[in-house]
Amino acid sequence: MSRVAIIDAGVGNLGNLKRALDALGAVSEITSDPAQVSASRCLFLPGVGAFRPPRERLRGELETALRRALDQGAWLLGICVGFQILFERGYEFGTTDGLGLLRGEVTSLPAGVRLPHIGWSPLHDVVDHPLLEGVSAGGHVYFVHGFAPEGTRASDDLALCTHGRSFPAVCGRDRVLGTQFHPEKSGDLGLRLLRNFLEMSQGVLNGSRSVH
């Protein structure tokens, strides 16, 4: 398996993700080196906290390297806030542009439910997609967030969750995918999703099947 780059955008528990990937047989490295990012073919963009800090950290050479890697055929999986900044903009502490790799905006979950949404919640409307091979509706995953995407392409929504409103828990288009939940904290189901992504990036699973 080729090397895996975990992009350090200054936020997130990167160690937990690295340990999960290493346990799956990946050779992973946490990096903010643009040269290393642009040369990688399997990229993870994790994060916790608010939308703006990691988005600002990515600007400049690191964002250029990320886009270059994608242009050269890399696969990208965003996680939690790293997933959110894949979209066009976010509204946490003001309006901040996202990477625009997926259509949609990141808005607050509604008042009237416990915020932030922390803990285990079930997935529903899980589609047939290589990233979700072995993952079925009703499976519980671990969330920590108060904002979530909306206005996404229906064809990009790979699995949904409901907390106050329905929101995409997994989205993807082509080689850009992401999860609002933390797969590295979601037990066997999360490890299965991470393994699927690693295998897709290596061509072990047919990444073209059901990918839009």
N, C-alpha and C. Protein backbone atom coordinates (compact mmCIF):
# COMPACT_ATOMS: atom_id res chain seq x y z
N MET A 1 0.85 -1.19 0.00
CA MET A 1 0.00 0.00 0.00
C MET A 1 0.88 1.24 0.00
N SER A 2 0.59 2.21 -0.89
CA SER A 2 1.39 3.42 -0.96
C SER A 2 1.17 4.27 0.28
N ARG A 3 2.04 5.25 0.45
CA ARG A 3 1.99 6.09 1.65
C ARG A 3 0.72 6.92 1.69
N VAL A 4 0.28 7.18 2.90
CA VAL A 4 -0.95 7.92 3.14
C VAL A 4 -0.58 9.21 3.86
N ALA A 5 -1.09 10.34 3.38
CA ALA A 5 -0.82 11.63 4.01
C ALA A 5 -2.04 12.09 4.80
N ILE A 6 -1.84 12.40 6.07
CA ILE A 6 -2.84 13.01 6.92
C ILE A 6 -2.49 14.49 7.00
N ILE A 7 -3.32 15.33 6.38
CA ILE A 7 -3.00 16.75 6.29
C ILE A 7 -3.23 17.42 7.64
N ASP A 8 -2.20 18.07 8.14
CA ASP A 8 -2.27 18.78 9.41
C ASP A 8 -2.70 20.22 9.14
N ALA A 9 -3.99 20.51 9.37
CA ALA A 9 -4.51 21.86 9.21
C ALA A 9 -4.61 22.58 10.54
N GLY A 10 -3.88 22.09 11.53
CA GLY A 10 -3.79 22.78 12.81
C GLY A 10 -4.89 22.47 13.79
N VAL A 11 -5.81 21.58 13.43
CA VAL A 11 -6.90 21.22 14.33
C VAL A 11 -7.12 19.72 14.25
N GLY A 12 -7.61 19.14 15.33
CA GLY A 12 -8.01 17.74 15.25
C GLY A 12 -7.09 16.82 16.01
N ASN A 13 -7.65 15.69 16.39
CA ASN A 13 -6.87 14.65 17.06
C ASN A 13 -6.27 13.76 15.98
N LEU A 14 -5.15 14.18 15.44
CA LEU A 14 -4.56 13.48 14.32
C LEU A 14 -4.01 12.12 14.72
N GLY A 15 -3.57 12.01 15.96
CA GLY A 15 -2.97 10.75 16.41
C GLY A 15 -3.94 9.59 16.36
N ASN A 16 -5.21 9.81 16.75
CA ASN A 16 -6.19 8.72 16.71
C ASN A 16 -6.40 8.22 15.30
N LEU A 17 -6.47 9.13 14.33
CA LEU A 17 -6.66 8.72 12.94
C LEU A 17 -5.43 7.96 12.45
N LYS A 18 -4.24 8.44 12.76
CA LYS A 18 -3.03 7.76 12.33
C LYS A 18 -2.97 6.34 12.91
N ARG A 19 -3.30 6.20 14.18
CA ARG A 19 -3.27 4.87 14.78
C ARG A 19 -4.27 3.93 14.12
N ALA A 20 -5.46 4.45 13.78
CA ALA A 20 -6.45 3.61 13.11
C ALA A 20 -5.96 3.18 11.73
N LEU A 21 -5.38 4.11 10.98
CA LEU A 21 -4.88 3.78 9.65
C LEU A 21 -3.71 2.81 9.72
N ASP A 22 -2.81 3.04 10.66
CA ASP A 22 -1.67 2.13 10.81
C ASP A 22 -2.14 0.73 11.18
N ALA A 23 -3.19 0.64 12.01
CA ALA A 23 -3.73 -0.67 12.38
C ALA A 23 -4.32 -1.41 11.19
N LEU A 24 -4.73 -0.65 10.17
CA LEU A 24 -5.28 -1.24 8.96
C LEU A 24 -4.20 -1.58 7.93
N GLY A 25 -2.95 -1.32 8.27
CA GLY A 25 -1.84 -1.67 7.38
C GLY A 25 -1.34 -0.54 6.52
N ALA A 26 -1.88 0.67 6.70
CA ALA A 26 -1.41 1.81 5.93
C ALA A 26 -0.10 2.34 6.52
N VAL A 27 0.72 2.92 5.69
CA VAL A 27 1.92 3.63 6.13
C VAL A 27 1.56 5.11 6.06
N SER A 28 1.15 5.67 7.19
CA SER A 28 0.61 7.04 7.19
C SER A 28 1.58 8.01 7.84
N GLU A 29 1.46 9.26 7.43
CA GLU A 29 2.30 10.31 8.00
C GLU A 29 1.48 11.58 8.12
N ILE A 30 1.59 12.24 9.27
CA ILE A 30 0.96 13.54 9.48
C ILE A 30 1.88 14.61 8.91
N THR A 31 1.33 15.47 8.06
CA THR A 31 2.19 16.43 7.38
C THR A 31 1.46 17.72 7.04
N SER A 32 2.20 18.82 7.04
CA SER A 32 1.74 20.08 6.48
C SER A 32 2.70 20.56 5.40
N ASP A 33 3.52 19.64 4.89
CA ASP A 33 4.51 19.95 3.86
C ASP A 33 3.83 19.91 2.49
N PRO A 34 3.73 21.05 1.80
CA PRO A 34 3.05 21.05 0.50
C PRO A 34 3.62 20.05 -0.50
N ALA A 35 4.94 19.86 -0.50
CA ALA A 35 5.53 18.92 -1.45
C ALA A 35 5.07 17.50 -1.17
N GLN A 36 4.95 17.15 0.09
CA GLN A 36 4.51 15.82 0.47
C GLN A 36 3.04 15.62 0.13
N VAL A 37 2.23 16.65 0.35
CA VAL A 37 0.81 16.56 0.03
C VAL A 37 0.61 16.40 -1.48
N SER A 38 1.30 17.21 -2.26
CA SER A 38 1.09 17.16 -3.71
C SER A 38 1.54 15.84 -4.31
N ALA A 39 2.48 15.16 -3.65
CA ALA A 39 2.98 13.89 -4.17
C ALA A 39 2.17 12.69 -3.71
N SER A 40 1.23 12.90 -2.78
CA SER A 40 0.46 11.79 -2.21
C SER A 40 -0.73 11.45 -3.10
N ARG A 41 -1.10 10.18 -3.05
CA ARG A 41 -2.25 9.72 -3.82
C ARG A 41 -3.40 9.28 -2.93
N CYS A 42 -3.19 9.34 -1.61
CA CYS A 42 -4.25 9.02 -0.65
C CYS A 42 -4.14 10.04 0.48
N LEU A 43 -5.13 10.90 0.57
CA LEU A 43 -5.09 12.04 1.48
C LEU A 43 -6.26 12.00 2.46
N PHE A 44 -5.98 12.34 3.70
CA PHE A 44 -7.02 12.52 4.72
C PHE A 44 -6.93 13.95 5.23
N LEU A 45 -8.11 14.58 5.40
CA LEU A 45 -8.18 15.94 5.93
C LEU A 45 -9.09 15.91 7.16
N PRO A 46 -8.53 15.65 8.35
CA PRO A 46 -9.35 15.60 9.56
C PRO A 46 -9.44 16.97 10.21
N GLY A 47 -10.30 17.07 11.23
CA GLY A 47 -10.41 18.32 11.98
C GLY A 47 -11.51 18.26 13.01
N VAL A 48 -11.35 19.06 14.04
CA VAL A 48 -12.41 19.27 15.02
C VAL A 48 -12.48 20.77 15.30
N GLY A 49 -13.62 21.22 15.83
CA GLY A 49 -13.76 22.62 16.17
C GLY A 49 -14.48 23.40 15.09
N ALA A 50 -14.15 24.68 14.98
CA ALA A 50 -14.86 25.59 14.09
C ALA A 50 -14.30 25.54 12.67
N PHE A 51 -15.11 25.97 11.72
CA PHE A 51 -14.83 25.92 10.29
C PHE A 51 -13.63 26.78 9.90
N ARG A 52 -13.56 28.00 10.43
CA ARG A 52 -12.62 28.99 9.90
C ARG A 52 -11.14 28.65 10.14
N PRO A 53 -10.70 28.23 11.34
CA PRO A 53 -9.26 28.04 11.55
C PRO A 53 -8.60 27.06 10.57
N PRO A 54 -9.14 25.86 10.35
CA PRO A 54 -8.47 24.99 9.38
C PRO A 54 -8.56 25.51 7.96
N ARG A 55 -9.66 26.20 7.63
CA ARG A 55 -9.76 26.76 6.28
C ARG A 55 -8.66 27.80 6.05
N GLU A 56 -8.42 28.65 7.04
CA GLU A 56 -7.38 29.66 6.89
C GLU A 56 -6.00 29.02 6.84
N ARG A 57 -5.81 27.96 7.62
CA ARG A 57 -4.51 27.27 7.65
C ARG A 57 -4.18 26.66 6.28
N LEU A 58 -5.20 26.28 5.55
CA LEU A 58 -4.97 25.64 4.26
C LEU A 58 -4.63 26.62 3.14
N ARG A 59 -4.92 27.88 3.33
CA ARG A 59 -4.74 28.83 2.24
C ARG A 59 -3.27 28.91 1.82
N GLY A 60 -3.06 29.20 0.53
CA GLY A 60 -1.70 29.35 0.04
C GLY A 60 -1.13 28.06 -0.50
N GLU A 61 0.11 27.77 -0.15
CA GLU A 61 0.83 26.65 -0.74
C GLU A 61 0.18 25.31 -0.42
N LEU A 62 -0.37 25.17 0.78
CA LEU A 62 -0.96 23.89 1.16
C LEU A 62 -2.21 23.60 0.34
N GLU A 63 -3.04 24.61 0.13
CA GLU A 63 -4.23 24.42 -0.71
C GLU A 63 -3.83 24.14 -2.15
N THR A 64 -2.84 24.85 -2.65
CA THR A 64 -2.36 24.59 -4.02
C THR A 64 -1.88 23.16 -4.16
N ALA A 65 -1.16 22.68 -3.15
CA ALA A 65 -0.66 21.30 -3.18
C ALA A 65 -1.81 20.30 -3.15
N LEU A 66 -2.82 20.57 -2.35
CA LEU A 66 -3.98 19.68 -2.28
C LEU A 66 -4.68 19.61 -3.63
N ARG A 67 -4.91 20.76 -4.23
CA ARG A 67 -5.58 20.77 -5.52
C ARG A 67 -4.72 20.11 -6.60
N ARG A 68 -3.42 20.29 -6.53
CA ARG A 68 -2.53 19.64 -7.50
C ARG A 68 -2.61 18.12 -7.35
N ALA A 69 -2.60 17.66 -6.11
CA ALA A 69 -2.70 16.21 -5.88
C ALA A 69 -3.99 15.66 -6.48
N LEU A 70 -5.11 16.35 -6.25
CA LEU A 70 -6.39 15.90 -6.80
C LEU A 70 -6.36 15.90 -8.32
N ASP A 71 -5.77 16.93 -8.91
CA ASP A 71 -5.66 16.99 -10.37
C ASP A 71 -4.84 15.84 -10.93
N GLN A 72 -3.92 15.32 -10.11
CA GLN A 72 -3.04 14.24 -10.54
C GLN A 72 -3.58 12.87 -10.17
N GLY A 73 -4.83 12.82 -9.66
CA GLY A 73 -5.46 11.54 -9.42
C GLY A 73 -5.54 11.09 -7.98
N ALA A 74 -5.24 11.97 -7.03
CA ALA A 74 -5.31 11.59 -5.62
C ALA A 74 -6.75 11.42 -5.16
N TRP A 75 -6.91 10.64 -4.09
CA TRP A 75 -8.17 10.48 -3.39
C TRP A 75 -8.12 11.26 -2.09
N LEU A 76 -9.23 11.87 -1.70
CA LEU A 76 -9.30 12.69 -0.50
C LEU A 76 -10.50 12.30 0.33
N LEU A 77 -10.28 12.10 1.64
CA LEU A 77 -11.37 11.87 2.59
C LEU A 77 -11.31 12.94 3.67
N GLY A 78 -12.32 13.81 3.72
CA GLY A 78 -12.43 14.79 4.79
C GLY A 78 -13.21 14.21 5.96
N ILE A 79 -12.83 14.60 7.16
CA ILE A 79 -13.46 14.08 8.38
C ILE A 79 -13.86 15.24 9.28
N CYS A 80 -15.12 15.27 9.70
CA CYS A 80 -15.68 16.27 10.62
C CYS A 80 -15.49 17.67 10.03
N VAL A 81 -14.72 18.55 10.66
CA VAL A 81 -14.53 19.87 10.08
C VAL A 81 -13.76 19.79 8.77
N GLY A 82 -12.87 18.81 8.65
CA GLY A 82 -12.20 18.60 7.37
C GLY A 82 -13.17 18.24 6.26
N PHE A 83 -14.26 17.59 6.61
CA PHE A 83 -15.35 17.32 5.67
C PHE A 83 -16.10 18.61 5.36
N GLN A 84 -16.38 19.42 6.37
CA GLN A 84 -17.16 20.63 6.16
C GLN A 84 -16.46 21.61 5.21
N ILE A 85 -15.16 21.74 5.30
CA ILE A 85 -14.48 22.73 4.45
C ILE A 85 -14.33 22.26 3.01
N LEU A 86 -14.77 21.05 2.71
CA LEU A 86 -14.84 20.63 1.30
C LEU A 86 -15.95 21.37 0.56
N PHE A 87 -16.92 21.94 1.29
CA PHE A 87 -18.09 22.57 0.67
C PHE A 87 -17.79 24.03 0.31
N GLU A 88 -18.81 24.72 -0.20
CA GLU A 88 -18.59 26.04 -0.78
C GLU A 88 -18.38 27.13 0.27
N ARG A 89 -19.07 27.05 1.40
CA ARG A 89 -18.90 28.07 2.44
C ARG A 89 -19.48 27.55 3.76
N GLY A 90 -19.03 28.17 4.84
CA GLY A 90 -19.56 27.87 6.16
C GLY A 90 -19.93 29.14 6.88
N TYR A 91 -20.84 29.03 7.88
CA TYR A 91 -21.39 30.20 8.56
C TYR A 91 -21.12 30.18 10.06
N GLU A 92 -20.09 29.50 10.49
CA GLU A 92 -19.74 29.46 11.91
C GLU A 92 -18.84 30.63 12.23
N PHE A 93 -19.27 31.53 13.12
CA PHE A 93 -18.52 32.75 13.46
C PHE A 93 -18.28 33.58 12.21
N GLY A 94 -19.35 33.84 11.46
CA GLY A 94 -19.23 34.61 10.23
C GLY A 94 -19.19 33.70 9.02
N THR A 95 -19.11 34.32 7.85
CA THR A 95 -19.10 33.57 6.59
C THR A 95 -17.67 33.36 6.13
N THR A 96 -17.34 32.11 5.83
CA THR A 96 -16.01 31.75 5.35
C THR A 96 -16.17 30.86 4.13
N ASP A 97 -15.43 31.17 3.08
CA ASP A 97 -15.47 30.32 1.90
C ASP A 97 -14.80 28.99 2.19
N GLY A 98 -15.35 27.93 1.60
CA GLY A 98 -14.74 26.63 1.70
C GLY A 98 -13.91 26.32 0.46
N LEU A 99 -13.50 25.08 0.32
CA LEU A 99 -12.70 24.68 -0.83
C LEU A 99 -13.54 24.55 -2.10
N GLY A 100 -14.86 24.39 -1.95
CA GLY A 100 -15.73 24.30 -3.11
C GLY A 100 -15.56 23.02 -3.91
N LEU A 101 -15.07 21.97 -3.28
CA LEU A 101 -14.92 20.69 -3.97
C LEU A 101 -16.23 19.92 -4.02
N LEU A 102 -17.14 20.24 -3.11
CA LEU A 102 -18.49 19.67 -3.10
C LEU A 102 -19.48 20.82 -3.01
N ARG A 103 -20.65 20.64 -3.60
CA ARG A 103 -21.68 21.68 -3.56
C ARG A 103 -22.40 21.65 -2.23
N GLY A 104 -22.66 22.86 -1.68
CA GLY A 104 -23.42 22.95 -0.44
C GLY A 104 -22.79 23.94 0.52
N GLU A 105 -23.54 24.25 1.57
CA GLU A 105 -23.09 25.18 2.60
C GLU A 105 -23.20 24.49 3.96
N VAL A 106 -22.39 24.95 4.90
CA VAL A 106 -22.36 24.36 6.24
C VAL A 106 -23.05 25.32 7.20
N THR A 107 -24.19 24.90 7.71
CA THR A 107 -25.03 25.75 8.55
C THR A 107 -25.31 25.07 9.89
N SER A 108 -25.80 25.86 10.83
CA SER A 108 -26.04 25.34 12.17
C SER A 108 -27.17 24.31 12.18
N LEU A 109 -27.03 23.32 13.02
CA LEU A 109 -28.16 22.46 13.32
C LEU A 109 -29.19 23.29 14.08
N PRO A 110 -30.47 22.93 14.00
CA PRO A 110 -31.51 23.82 14.53
C PRO A 110 -31.55 23.86 16.05
N ALA A 111 -32.04 25.00 16.54
CA ALA A 111 -32.31 25.11 17.97
C ALA A 111 -33.41 24.12 18.34
N GLY A 112 -33.41 23.72 19.59
CA GLY A 112 -34.43 22.79 20.05
C GLY A 112 -33.90 21.38 20.23
N VAL A 113 -32.66 21.13 19.76
CA VAL A 113 -32.00 19.86 20.03
C VAL A 113 -30.70 20.17 20.78
N ARG A 114 -30.17 19.18 21.43
CA ARG A 114 -28.93 19.37 22.17
C ARG A 114 -27.80 19.71 21.20
N LEU A 115 -27.12 20.83 21.48
CA LEU A 115 -26.00 21.26 20.66
C LEU A 115 -24.79 21.53 21.56
N PRO A 116 -23.62 21.14 21.15
CA PRO A 116 -23.35 20.40 19.92
C PRO A 116 -23.89 18.97 19.98
N HIS A 117 -24.01 18.39 18.82
CA HIS A 117 -24.42 16.99 18.68
C HIS A 117 -23.20 16.12 18.97
N ILE A 118 -23.18 15.52 20.14
CA ILE A 118 -22.05 14.69 20.56
C ILE A 118 -22.57 13.30 20.92
N GLY A 119 -21.97 12.30 20.32
CA GLY A 119 -22.31 10.92 20.67
C GLY A 119 -22.67 10.09 19.46
N TRP A 120 -23.26 8.93 19.74
CA TRP A 120 -23.55 7.93 18.73
C TRP A 120 -24.94 8.13 18.14
N SER A 121 -25.03 8.15 16.82
CA SER A 121 -26.32 8.28 16.13
C SER A 121 -26.32 7.34 14.92
N PRO A 122 -27.52 6.89 14.52
CA PRO A 122 -27.60 5.92 13.42
C PRO A 122 -27.59 6.62 12.05
N LEU A 123 -27.02 5.92 11.09
CA LEU A 123 -27.09 6.33 9.70
C LEU A 123 -28.40 5.86 9.08
N HIS A 124 -28.89 6.61 8.09
CA HIS A 124 -30.04 6.14 7.31
C HIS A 124 -29.85 6.58 5.87
N ASP A 125 -30.68 6.04 4.99
CA ASP A 125 -30.57 6.32 3.56
C ASP A 125 -29.15 6.08 3.06
N VAL A 126 -28.60 4.93 3.42
CA VAL A 126 -27.25 4.55 3.00
C VAL A 126 -27.32 3.99 1.58
N VAL A 127 -26.54 4.57 0.66
CA VAL A 127 -26.60 4.15 -0.73
C VAL A 127 -25.54 3.08 -1.01
N ASP A 128 -25.70 2.44 -2.16
CA ASP A 128 -24.73 1.45 -2.62
C ASP A 128 -23.53 2.19 -3.19
N HIS A 129 -22.43 2.17 -2.47
CA HIS A 129 -21.22 2.89 -2.88
C HIS A 129 -20.02 2.15 -2.29
N PRO A 130 -18.91 2.10 -3.02
CA PRO A 130 -17.75 1.35 -2.51
C PRO A 130 -17.25 1.84 -1.16
N LEU A 131 -17.38 3.15 -0.86
CA LEU A 131 -16.94 3.63 0.43
C LEU A 131 -17.73 3.01 1.57
N LEU A 132 -18.98 2.63 1.29
CA LEU A 132 -19.89 2.12 2.32
C LEU A 132 -20.13 0.63 2.18
N GLU A 133 -19.24 -0.05 1.49
CA GLU A 133 -19.36 -1.51 1.40
C GLU A 133 -19.31 -2.11 2.80
N GLY A 134 -20.29 -2.89 3.16
CA GLY A 134 -20.35 -3.48 4.50
C GLY A 134 -20.96 -2.58 5.56
N VAL A 135 -21.40 -1.39 5.17
CA VAL A 135 -22.04 -0.45 6.09
C VAL A 135 -23.51 -0.37 5.73
N SER A 136 -24.37 -0.55 6.71
CA SER A 136 -25.80 -0.58 6.42
C SER A 136 -26.54 0.47 7.25
N ALA A 137 -27.75 0.79 6.81
CA ALA A 137 -28.60 1.71 7.56
C ALA A 137 -28.82 1.17 8.97
N GLY A 138 -28.85 2.06 9.92
CA GLY A 138 -29.02 1.68 11.32
C GLY A 138 -27.71 1.57 12.07
N GLY A 139 -26.60 1.51 11.34
CA GLY A 139 -25.30 1.47 12.00
C GLY A 139 -25.01 2.79 12.70
N HIS A 140 -24.51 2.71 13.92
CA HIS A 140 -24.25 3.90 14.72
C HIS A 140 -22.79 4.36 14.55
N VAL A 141 -22.63 5.68 14.44
CA VAL A 141 -21.30 6.28 14.32
C VAL A 141 -21.20 7.46 15.28
N TYR A 142 -19.99 7.93 15.51
CA TYR A 142 -19.74 8.91 16.58
C TYR A 142 -19.56 10.31 16.00
N PHE A 143 -20.40 11.25 16.47
CA PHE A 143 -20.40 12.62 16.00
C PHE A 143 -19.94 13.59 17.09
N VAL A 144 -19.30 14.68 16.66
CA VAL A 144 -19.03 15.83 17.53
C VAL A 144 -19.13 17.06 16.63
N HIS A 145 -20.29 17.73 16.62
CA HIS A 145 -20.47 18.88 15.72
C HIS A 145 -21.74 19.64 16.08
N GLY A 146 -21.76 20.92 15.71
CA GLY A 146 -22.96 21.73 15.85
C GLY A 146 -23.44 22.28 14.52
N PHE A 147 -22.62 22.10 13.47
CA PHE A 147 -22.95 22.54 12.12
C PHE A 147 -22.87 21.33 11.20
N ALA A 148 -23.57 21.42 10.07
CA ALA A 148 -23.56 20.32 9.11
C ALA A 148 -23.93 20.86 7.73
N PRO A 149 -23.58 20.14 6.67
CA PRO A 149 -23.90 20.61 5.32
C PRO A 149 -25.40 20.59 5.04
N GLU A 150 -25.81 21.51 4.17
CA GLU A 150 -27.13 21.46 3.57
C GLU A 150 -27.03 22.04 2.16
N GLY A 151 -28.07 21.83 1.36
CA GLY A 151 -28.03 22.29 -0.02
C GLY A 151 -27.07 21.52 -0.88
N THR A 152 -26.79 20.29 -0.51
CA THR A 152 -25.87 19.46 -1.28
C THR A 152 -26.59 18.86 -2.50
N ARG A 153 -25.82 18.34 -3.44
CA ARG A 153 -26.41 17.56 -4.52
C ARG A 153 -26.96 16.26 -3.93
N ALA A 154 -28.18 15.93 -4.26
CA ALA A 154 -28.74 14.66 -3.77
C ALA A 154 -27.89 13.48 -4.22
N SER A 155 -27.31 13.58 -5.41
CA SER A 155 -26.50 12.49 -5.93
C SER A 155 -25.17 12.34 -5.18
N ASP A 156 -24.78 13.37 -4.42
CA ASP A 156 -23.54 13.29 -3.63
C ASP A 156 -23.78 12.73 -2.23
N ASP A 157 -25.04 12.69 -1.80
CA ASP A 157 -25.36 12.23 -0.44
C ASP A 157 -25.32 10.71 -0.40
N LEU A 158 -24.35 10.18 0.33
CA LEU A 158 -24.14 8.73 0.37
C LEU A 158 -24.76 8.09 1.61
N ALA A 159 -24.94 8.87 2.68
CA ALA A 159 -25.63 8.40 3.88
C ALA A 159 -26.06 9.63 4.66
N LEU A 160 -27.21 9.53 5.32
CA LEU A 160 -27.75 10.65 6.08
C LEU A 160 -27.81 10.30 7.56
N CYS A 161 -27.94 11.36 8.37
CA CYS A 161 -28.22 11.23 9.80
C CYS A 161 -29.22 12.32 10.14
N THR A 162 -29.93 12.16 11.23
CA THR A 162 -30.89 13.18 11.67
C THR A 162 -30.61 13.58 13.11
N HIS A 163 -30.42 14.89 13.30
CA HIS A 163 -30.35 15.48 14.64
C HIS A 163 -30.91 16.89 14.51
N GLY A 164 -32.18 17.04 14.79
CA GLY A 164 -32.86 18.30 14.55
C GLY A 164 -33.29 18.46 13.10
N ARG A 165 -32.43 18.12 12.18
CA ARG A 165 -32.74 18.06 10.75
C ARG A 165 -31.92 16.93 10.15
N SER A 166 -32.34 16.50 8.98
CA SER A 166 -31.57 15.52 8.25
C SER A 166 -30.37 16.21 7.61
N PHE A 167 -29.22 15.58 7.67
CA PHE A 167 -28.02 16.16 7.07
C PHE A 167 -27.15 15.03 6.50
N PRO A 168 -26.29 15.34 5.53
CA PRO A 168 -25.41 14.32 4.97
C PRO A 168 -24.34 13.92 5.99
N ALA A 169 -24.34 12.66 6.35
CA ALA A 169 -23.28 12.12 7.21
C ALA A 169 -22.09 11.66 6.38
N VAL A 170 -22.35 11.29 5.12
CA VAL A 170 -21.30 10.91 4.17
C VAL A 170 -21.65 11.53 2.83
N CYS A 171 -20.69 12.18 2.21
CA CYS A 171 -20.89 12.76 0.89
C CYS A 171 -19.70 12.37 0.01
N GLY A 172 -19.92 12.38 -1.29
CA GLY A 172 -18.80 12.13 -2.17
C GLY A 172 -19.12 12.38 -3.62
N ARG A 173 -18.12 12.82 -4.34
CA ARG A 173 -18.21 12.98 -5.79
C ARG A 173 -16.83 12.68 -6.35
N ASP A 174 -16.77 11.75 -7.31
CA ASP A 174 -15.50 11.33 -7.89
C ASP A 174 -14.56 10.86 -6.79
N ARG A 175 -13.38 11.48 -6.67
CA ARG A 175 -12.39 11.03 -5.69
C ARG A 175 -12.36 11.89 -4.43
N VAL A 176 -13.36 12.76 -4.27
CA VAL A 176 -13.46 13.61 -3.08
C VAL A 176 -14.64 13.12 -2.24
N LEU A 177 -14.35 12.66 -1.04
CA LEU A 177 -15.36 12.08 -0.16
C LEU A 177 -15.16 12.60 1.25
N GLY A 178 -16.16 12.40 2.09
CA GLY A 178 -16.00 12.85 3.45
C GLY A 178 -17.10 12.35 4.36
N THR A 179 -16.82 12.41 5.65
CA THR A 179 -17.78 11.99 6.68
C THR A 179 -17.90 13.09 7.73
N GLN A 180 -19.14 13.40 8.12
CA GLN A 180 -19.35 14.36 9.21
C GLN A 180 -18.97 13.74 10.55
N PHE A 181 -19.07 12.43 10.66
CA PHE A 181 -18.70 11.74 11.89
C PHE A 181 -17.21 11.38 11.88
N HIS A 182 -16.75 10.85 13.00
CA HIS A 182 -15.36 10.43 13.15
C HIS A 182 -15.25 8.92 12.95
N PRO A 183 -14.83 8.46 11.79
CA PRO A 183 -14.71 7.01 11.61
C PRO A 183 -13.68 6.37 12.54
N GLU A 184 -12.64 7.13 12.87
CA GLU A 184 -11.60 6.57 13.75
C GLU A 184 -12.10 6.37 15.18
N LYS A 185 -13.28 6.93 15.51
CA LYS A 185 -13.86 6.76 16.84
C LYS A 185 -15.16 5.97 16.77
N SER A 186 -15.45 5.37 15.61
CA SER A 186 -16.75 4.73 15.39
C SER A 186 -16.66 3.21 15.32
N GLY A 187 -15.71 2.64 16.05
CA GLY A 187 -15.65 1.19 16.19
C GLY A 187 -15.42 0.47 14.87
N ASP A 188 -15.97 -0.75 14.79
CA ASP A 188 -15.74 -1.59 13.62
C ASP A 188 -16.32 -0.99 12.35
N LEU A 189 -17.47 -0.30 12.48
CA LEU A 189 -18.07 0.31 11.30
C LEU A 189 -17.14 1.39 10.73
N GLY A 190 -16.60 2.22 11.60
CA GLY A 190 -15.68 3.26 11.15
C GLY A 190 -14.43 2.70 10.53
N LEU A 191 -13.89 1.63 11.13
CA LEU A 191 -12.69 1.01 10.56
C LEU A 191 -12.98 0.40 9.20
N ARG A 192 -14.19 -0.15 9.04
CA ARG A 192 -14.56 -0.70 7.73
C ARG A 192 -14.58 0.41 6.68
N LEU A 193 -15.14 1.56 7.03
CA LEU A 193 -15.17 2.67 6.07
C LEU A 193 -13.75 3.13 5.73
N LEU A 194 -12.89 3.25 6.73
CA LEU A 194 -11.51 3.66 6.45
C LEU A 194 -10.81 2.64 5.57
N ARG A 195 -11.02 1.36 5.85
CA ARG A 195 -10.41 0.33 5.01
C ARG A 195 -10.93 0.43 3.57
N ASN A 196 -12.23 0.65 3.44
CA ASN A 196 -12.80 0.79 2.09
C ASN A 196 -12.14 1.94 1.34
N PHE A 197 -11.95 3.07 2.03
CA PHE A 197 -11.35 4.22 1.36
C PHE A 197 -9.91 3.92 0.96
N LEU A 198 -9.15 3.31 1.85
CA LEU A 198 -7.78 2.94 1.50
C LEU A 198 -7.76 2.03 0.28
N GLU A 199 -8.66 1.06 0.24
CA GLU A 199 -8.69 0.13 -0.88
C GLU A 199 -9.16 0.81 -2.16
N MET A 200 -10.08 1.75 -2.06
CA MET A 200 -10.48 2.51 -3.24
C MET A 200 -9.31 3.30 -3.80
N SER A 201 -8.54 3.93 -2.91
CA SER A 201 -7.42 4.75 -3.37
C SER A 201 -6.33 3.91 -4.01
N GLN A 202 -6.28 2.63 -3.66
CA GLN A 202 -5.29 1.73 -4.24
C GLN A 202 -5.83 0.96 -5.44
N GLY A 203 -7.11 1.15 -5.76
CA GLY A 203 -7.71 0.42 -6.87
C GLY A 203 -8.12 -0.99 -6.52
N VAL A 204 -8.11 -1.33 -5.21
CA VAL A 204 -8.52 -2.68 -4.80
C VAL A 204 -10.03 -2.81 -4.91
N LEU A 205 -10.76 -1.80 -4.42
CA LEU A 205 -12.21 -1.71 -4.67
C LEU A 205 -12.39 -0.86 -5.92
N ASN A 206 -13.40 -1.15 -6.69
CA ASN A 206 -13.65 -0.42 -7.93
C ASN A 206 -14.22 0.94 -7.61
N GLY A 207 -13.35 1.94 -7.55
CA GLY A 207 -13.77 3.29 -7.18
C GLY A 207 -14.70 3.94 -8.21
N SER A 208 -14.77 3.35 -9.41
CA SER A 208 -15.65 3.94 -10.41
C SER A 208 -17.10 3.50 -10.25
N ARG A 209 -17.32 2.44 -9.48
CA ARG A 209 -18.69 1.93 -9.33
C ARG A 209 -19.48 2.83 -8.41
N SER A 210 -20.56 3.35 -8.94
CA SER A 210 -21.47 4.21 -8.18
C SER A 210 -20.85 5.52 -7.75
N VAL A 211 -19.66 5.86 -8.23
CA VAL A 211 -19.07 7.15 -7.93
C VAL A 211 -19.52 8.12 -9.01
N HIS A 212 -19.98 9.31 -8.60
CA HIS A 212 -20.59 10.24 -9.53
C HIS A 212 -19.49 11.08 -10.19
